Amino acid sequence: MDIQLAQIIFQIINFGVVLGALTYFIYKPVLKLLNDRRERVAAAAAAAGEVMQDKEDLERLREKTLLKASQKAKKMENDIRSEAQAQAKLMLEQSKKEIAAREAKFSAELSKMKKEEMRSMEAVMKKAALTMAEKVIGESLDNKKHQKLLDEQIDQVIKSL
C-alpha cells in the first residue's frame, strides 16, 4: 500500500467542499433557525411578562375601583339614611303640629258644646224648678222671685259639680 498523494489531496479537497456545502446549506440555516427561535422565545417571554404586568396592573386598578365604588356606595347610603331621618323628623313634626291643631280645634268645639249643653240644662232646670216651686208653694211665682230661687239652686248644683 502505497500512499498516493494525489488521492489524499483529492480527498482533502472533497472533504473541504462537502464541509463548505454542509456549512453553507445546513449549518448556517440551522443556526439561523435556532437564533430566530431563541429570539421568538425571548420576545414571547417578554410579551408574557408585559401581559402579566398588565394583568397585575388591571387587577390593582380593579381593586381600587371596587374600593372606591364601595366607599361611594357607603357614602351614598349614609347620605340617604341621614336624608331619610331628616324627612322622618320633618314628617313627625308636621304630624305633631297637625295633631296639636286638631286637638285645639276639638277642645274648642268640646268647650262650645259643653257651654251649649250647660245653657240647655240650665233652661230645663229653671223650668223644672219653677214647676216644682209652683206645686210646692201652690201659687204662681213672679219672675224676680223665681229668678232668685233658680240662681241659688243653679249655683249650688254648679258648685257640686
C-alpha atoms as a PDB file:
ATOM      1  CA  MET A   1       0.000   0.000   0.000  1.00  0.00           C
ATOM      2  CA  ASP A   2       1.425   2.936  -1.165  1.00  0.00           C
ATOM      3  CA  ILE A   3       0.344   6.384  -0.096  1.00  0.00           C
ATOM      4  CA  GLN A   4      -0.873   8.288  -3.028  1.00  0.00           C
ATOM      5  CA  LEU A   5      -0.519  11.938  -2.577  1.00  0.00           C
ATOM      6  CA  ALA A   6      -2.959  12.882  -5.310  1.00  0.00           C
ATOM      7  CA  GLN A   7      -5.636  10.766  -3.744  1.00  0.00           C
ATOM      8  CA  ILE A   8      -5.073  12.380  -0.336  1.00  0.00           C
ATOM      9  CA  ILE A   9      -5.225  15.862  -1.823  1.00  0.00           C
ATOM     10  CA  PHE A  10      -8.386  14.896  -3.727  1.00  0.00           C
ATOM     11  CA  GLN A  11      -9.923  13.568  -0.512  1.00  0.00           C
ATOM     12  CA  ILE A  12      -8.951  16.752   1.373  1.00  0.00           C
ATOM     13  CA  ILE A  13     -10.462  18.922  -1.360  1.00  0.00           C
ATOM     14  CA  ASN A  14     -13.558  16.705  -1.471  1.00  0.00           C
ATOM     15  CA  PHE A  15     -13.869  16.884   2.322  1.00  0.00           C
ATOM     16  CA  GLY A  16     -13.477  20.689   2.216  1.00  0.00           C
ATOM     17  CA  VAL A  17     -16.155  21.020  -0.497  1.00  0.00           C
ATOM     18  CA  VAL A  18     -18.550  18.781   1.422  1.00  0.00           C
ATOM     19  CA  LEU A  19     -17.725  20.638   4.646  1.00  0.00           C
ATOM     20  CA  GLY A  20     -18.288  24.028   2.941  1.00  0.00           C
ATOM     21  CA  ALA A  21     -21.511  22.841   1.313  1.00  0.00           C
ATOM     22  CA  LEU A  22     -22.832  21.422   4.620  1.00  0.00           C
ATOM     23  CA  THR A  23     -21.827  24.590   6.455  1.00  0.00           C
ATOM     24  CA  TYR A  24     -23.455  26.845   3.850  1.00  0.00           C
ATOM     25  CA  PHE A  25     -26.613  24.824   3.211  1.00  0.00           C
ATOM     26  CA  ILE A  26     -27.283  23.156   6.577  1.00  0.00           C
ATOM     27  CA  TYR A  27     -25.235  24.522   9.465  1.00  0.00           C
ATOM     28  CA  LYS A  28     -25.855  28.239   8.826  1.00  0.00           C
ATOM     29  CA  PRO A  29     -29.630  27.820   8.185  1.00  0.00           C
ATOM     30  CA  VAL A  30     -29.937  25.636  11.290  1.00  0.00           C
ATOM     31  CA  LEU A  31     -28.024  28.241  13.343  1.00  0.00           C
ATOM     32  CA  LYS A  32     -30.181  30.972  11.836  1.00  0.00           C
ATOM     33  CA  LEU A  33     -33.315  28.941  12.625  1.00  0.00           C
ATOM     34  CA  LEU A  34     -32.155  28.362  16.204  1.00  0.00           C
ATOM     35  CA  ASN A  35     -31.313  32.056  16.659  1.00  0.00           C
ATOM     36  CA  ASP A  36     -34.682  33.056  15.216  1.00  0.00           C
ATOM     37  CA  ARG A  37     -36.419  30.605  17.536  1.00  0.00           C
ATOM     38  CA  ARG A  38     -34.408  31.888  20.523  1.00  0.00           C
ATOM     39  CA  GLU A  39     -35.415  35.455  19.611  1.00  0.00           C
ATOM     40  CA  ARG A  40     -39.098  34.462  19.266  1.00  0.00           C
ATOM     41  CA  VAL A  41     -38.989  32.676  22.624  1.00  0.00           C
ATOM     42  CA  ALA A  42     -37.354  35.725  24.208  1.00  0.00           C
ATOM     43  CA  ALA A  43     -39.940  38.004  22.556  1.00  0.00           C
ATOM     44  CA  ALA A  44     -42.754  35.721  23.702  1.00  0.00           C
ATOM     45  CA  ALA A  45     -41.322  35.691  27.228  1.00  0.00           C
ATOM     46  CA  ALA A  46     -41.093  39.493  27.185  1.00  0.00           C
ATOM     47  CA  ALA A  47     -44.640  39.728  25.836  1.00  0.00           C
ATOM     48  CA  ALA A  48     -45.800  37.284  28.517  1.00  0.00           C
ATOM     49  CA  GLY A  49     -44.064  39.412  31.138  1.00  0.00           C
ATOM     50  CA  GLU A  50     -45.781  42.512  29.787  1.00  0.00           C
ATOM     51  CA  VAL A  51     -49.113  40.691  29.745  1.00  0.00           C
ATOM     52  CA  MET A  52     -48.569  39.553  33.334  1.00  0.00           C
ATOM     53  CA  GLN A  53     -47.633  43.108  34.331  1.00  0.00           C
ATOM     54  CA  ASP A  54     -50.726  44.432  32.548  1.00  0.00           C
ATOM     55  CA  LYS A  55     -52.813  41.787  34.301  1.00  0.00           C
ATOM     56  CA  GLU A  56     -51.406  42.828  37.683  1.00  0.00           C
ATOM     57  CA  ASP A  57     -51.984  46.492  36.839  1.00  0.00           C
ATOM     58  CA  LEU A  58     -55.558  45.724  35.800  1.00  0.00           C
ATOM     59  CA  GLU A  59     -56.089  43.720  38.991  1.00  0.00           C
ATOM     60  CA  ARG A  60     -54.831  46.641  41.109  1.00  0.00           C
ATOM     61  CA  LEU A  61     -56.996  49.029  39.112  1.00  0.00           C
ATOM     62  CA  ARG A  62     -59.999  46.727  39.580  1.00  0.00           C
ATOM     63  CA  GLU A  63     -59.365  46.558  43.329  1.00  0.00           C
ATOM     64  CA  LYS A  64     -59.009  50.345  43.542  1.00  0.00           C
ATOM     65  CA  THR A  65     -62.184  50.809  41.512  1.00  0.00           C
ATOM     66  CA  LEU A  66     -64.076  48.341  43.684  1.00  0.00           C
ATOM     67  CA  LEU A  67     -62.807  50.066  46.825  1.00  0.00           C
ATOM     68  CA  LYS A  68     -63.806  53.483  45.509  1.00  0.00           C
ATOM     69  CA  ALA A  69     -67.198  52.152  44.423  1.00  0.00           C
ATOM     70  CA  SER A  70     -67.698  50.548  47.821  1.00  0.00           C
ATOM     71  CA  GLN A  71     -66.757  53.777  49.603  1.00  0.00           C
ATOM     72  CA  LYS A  72     -69.002  55.794  47.304  1.00  0.00           C
ATOM     73  CA  ALA A  73     -71.880  53.360  47.908  1.00  0.00           C
ATOM     74  CA  LYS A  74     -71.391  53.615  51.686  1.00  0.00           C
ATOM     75  CA  LYS A  75     -71.313  57.407  51.460  1.00  0.00           C
ATOM     76  CA  MET A  76     -74.466  57.408  49.348  1.00  0.00           C
ATOM     77  CA  GLU A  77     -76.123  55.014  51.802  1.00  0.00           C
ATOM     78  CA  ASN A  78     -75.188  57.249  54.738  1.00  0.00           C
ATOM     79  CA  ASP A  79     -76.398  60.337  52.865  1.00  0.00           C
ATOM     80  CA  ILE A  80     -79.679  58.649  52.012  1.00  0.00           C
ATOM     81  CA  ARG A  81     -80.108  57.459  55.599  1.00  0.00           C
ATOM     82  CA  SER A  82     -79.470  60.915  57.026  1.00  0.00           C
ATOM     83  CA  GLU A  83     -81.843  62.446  54.467  1.00  0.00           C
ATOM     84  CA  ALA A  84     -84.484  59.844  55.306  1.00  0.00           C
ATOM     85  CA  GLN A  85     -84.052  60.543  59.018  1.00  0.00           C
ATOM     86  CA  ALA A  86     -84.370  64.271  58.391  1.00  0.00           C
ATOM     87  CA  GLN A  87     -87.518  63.725  56.359  1.00  0.00           C
ATOM     88  CA  ALA A  88     -88.899  61.412  59.043  1.00  0.00           C
ATOM     89  CA  LYS A  89     -88.254  64.075  61.694  1.00  0.00           C
ATOM     90  CA  LEU A  90     -89.885  66.701  59.497  1.00  0.00           C
ATOM     91  CA  MET A  91     -92.905  64.477  58.910  1.00  0.00           C
ATOM     92  CA  LEU A  92     -93.094  63.725  62.647  1.00  0.00           C
ATOM     93  CA  GLU A  93     -93.003  67.430  63.481  1.00  0.00           C
ATOM     94  CA  GLN A  94     -95.686  68.138  60.885  1.00  0.00           C
ATOM     95  CA  SER A  95     -97.814  65.328  62.299  1.00  0.00           C
ATOM     96  CA  LYS A  96     -97.377  66.698  65.822  1.00  0.00           C
ATOM     97  CA  LYS A  97     -98.380  70.172  64.660  1.00  0.00           C
ATOM     98  CA  GLU A  98    -101.385  68.751  62.835  1.00  0.00           C
ATOM     99  CA  ILE A  99    -102.398  66.725  65.894  1.00  0.00           C
ATOM    100  CA  ALA A 100    -101.992  69.779  68.130  1.00  0.00           C
ATOM    101  CA  ALA A 101    -104.142  71.845  65.750  1.00  0.00           C
ATOM    102  CA  ARG A 102    -106.801  69.140  65.651  1.00  0.00           C
ATOM    103  CA  GLU A 103    -106.653  68.810  69.435  1.00  0.00           C
ATOM    104  CA  ALA A 104    -107.084  72.567  69.866  1.00  0.00           C
ATOM    105  CA  LYS A 105    -109.995  72.561  67.427  1.00  0.00           C
ATOM    106  CA  PHE A 106    -111.561  69.591  69.209  1.00  0.00           C
ATOM    107  CA  SER A 107    -111.079  71.262  72.606  1.00  0.00           C
ATOM    108  CA  ALA A 108    -112.700  74.447  71.321  1.00  0.00           C
ATOM    109  CA  GLU A 109    -115.622  72.512  69.893  1.00  0.00           C
ATOM    110  CA  LEU A 110    -115.944  70.473  73.083  1.00  0.00           C
ATOM    111  CA  SER A 111    -115.919  73.647  75.185  1.00  0.00           C
ATOM    112  CA  LYS A 112    -118.544  75.208  72.927  1.00  0.00           C
ATOM    113  CA  MET A 113    -120.700  72.092  73.104  1.00  0.00           C
ATOM    114  CA  LYS A 114    -120.280  71.974  76.882  1.00  0.00           C
ATOM    115  CA  LYS A 115    -121.406  75.616  77.224  1.00  0.00           C
ATOM    116  CA  GLU A 116    -124.396  75.000  74.955  1.00  0.00           C
ATOM    117  CA  GLU A 117    -125.324  71.904  76.941  1.00  0.00           C
ATOM    118  CA  MET A 118    -124.996  73.832  80.224  1.00  0.00           C
ATOM    119  CA  ARG A 119    -127.309  76.553  78.889  1.00  0.00           C
ATOM    120  CA  SER A 120    -129.782  73.956  77.729  1.00  0.00           C
ATOM    121  CA  MET A 121    -129.628  72.145  81.063  1.00  0.00           C
ATOM    122  CA  GLU A 122    -129.966  75.461  82.900  1.00  0.00           C
ATOM    123  CA  ALA A 123    -133.135  76.295  80.977  1.00  0.00           C
ATOM    124  CA  VAL A 124    -134.594  72.841  81.625  1.00  0.00           C
ATOM    125  CA  MET A 125    -133.671  73.055  85.311  1.00  0.00           C
ATOM    126  CA  LYS A 126    -135.262  76.506  85.580  1.00  0.00           C
ATOM    127  CA  LYS A 127    -138.485  75.216  84.107  1.00  0.00           C
ATOM    128  CA  ALA A 128    -138.458  72.149  86.338  1.00  0.00           C
ATOM    129  CA  ALA A 129    -137.653  74.208  89.408  1.00  0.00           C
ATOM    130  CA  LEU A 130    -140.411  76.706  88.603  1.00  0.00           C
ATOM    131  CA  THR A 131    -142.903  73.935  88.117  1.00  0.00           C
ATOM    132  CA  MET A 132    -141.858  72.257  91.372  1.00  0.00           C
ATOM    133  CA  ALA A 133    -141.904  75.535  93.262  1.00  0.00           C
ATOM    134  CA  GLU A 134    -145.384  76.337  91.999  1.00  0.00           C
ATOM    135  CA  LYS A 135    -146.610  72.953  93.090  1.00  0.00           C
ATOM    136  CA  VAL A 136    -144.919  73.214  96.474  1.00  0.00           C
ATOM    137  CA  ILE A 137    -145.964  76.762  97.181  1.00  0.00           C
ATOM    138  CA  GLY A 138    -149.240  76.366  95.444  1.00  0.00           C
ATOM    139  CA  GLU A 139    -149.114  79.735  93.772  1.00  0.00           C
ATOM    140  CA  SER A 140    -147.509  81.306  90.811  1.00  0.00           C
ATOM    141  CA  LEU A 141    -144.183  82.995  91.395  1.00  0.00           C
ATOM    142  CA  ASP A 142    -143.262  86.198  89.746  1.00  0.00           C
ATOM    143  CA  ASN A 143    -140.173  86.362  87.561  1.00  0.00           C
ATOM    144  CA  LYS A 144    -137.913  88.094  90.080  1.00  0.00           C
ATOM    145  CA  LYS A 145    -138.576  85.649  92.880  1.00  0.00           C
ATOM    146  CA  HIS A 146    -138.361  82.804  90.504  1.00  0.00           C
ATOM    147  CA  GLN A 147    -135.039  84.031  89.039  1.00  0.00           C
ATOM    148  CA  LYS A 148    -133.573  84.472  92.501  1.00  0.00           C
ATOM    149  CA  LEU A 149    -134.540  80.951  93.587  1.00  0.00           C
ATOM    150  CA  LEU A 150    -133.277  79.452  90.368  1.00  0.00           C
ATOM    151  CA  ASP A 151    -129.935  81.242  90.546  1.00  0.00           C
ATOM    152  CA  GLU A 152    -129.384  79.984  94.059  1.00  0.00           C
ATOM    153  CA  GLN A 153    -130.207  76.418  93.089  1.00  0.00           C
ATOM    154  CA  ILE A 154    -128.080  76.530  89.947  1.00  0.00           C
ATOM    155  CA  ASP A 155    -125.127  77.914  91.915  1.00  0.00           C
ATOM    156  CA  GLN A 156    -125.442  75.039  94.361  1.00  0.00           C
ATOM    157  CA  VAL A 157    -125.650  72.480  91.524  1.00  0.00           C
ATOM    158  CA  ILE A 158    -122.628  74.008  89.755  1.00  0.00           C
ATOM    159  CA  LYS A 159    -120.608  74.014  92.970  1.00  0.00           C
ATOM    160  CA  SER A 160    -121.405  70.352  93.498  1.00  0.00           C
ATOM    161  CA  LEU A 161    -120.117  69.514  90.002  1.00  0.00           C
END
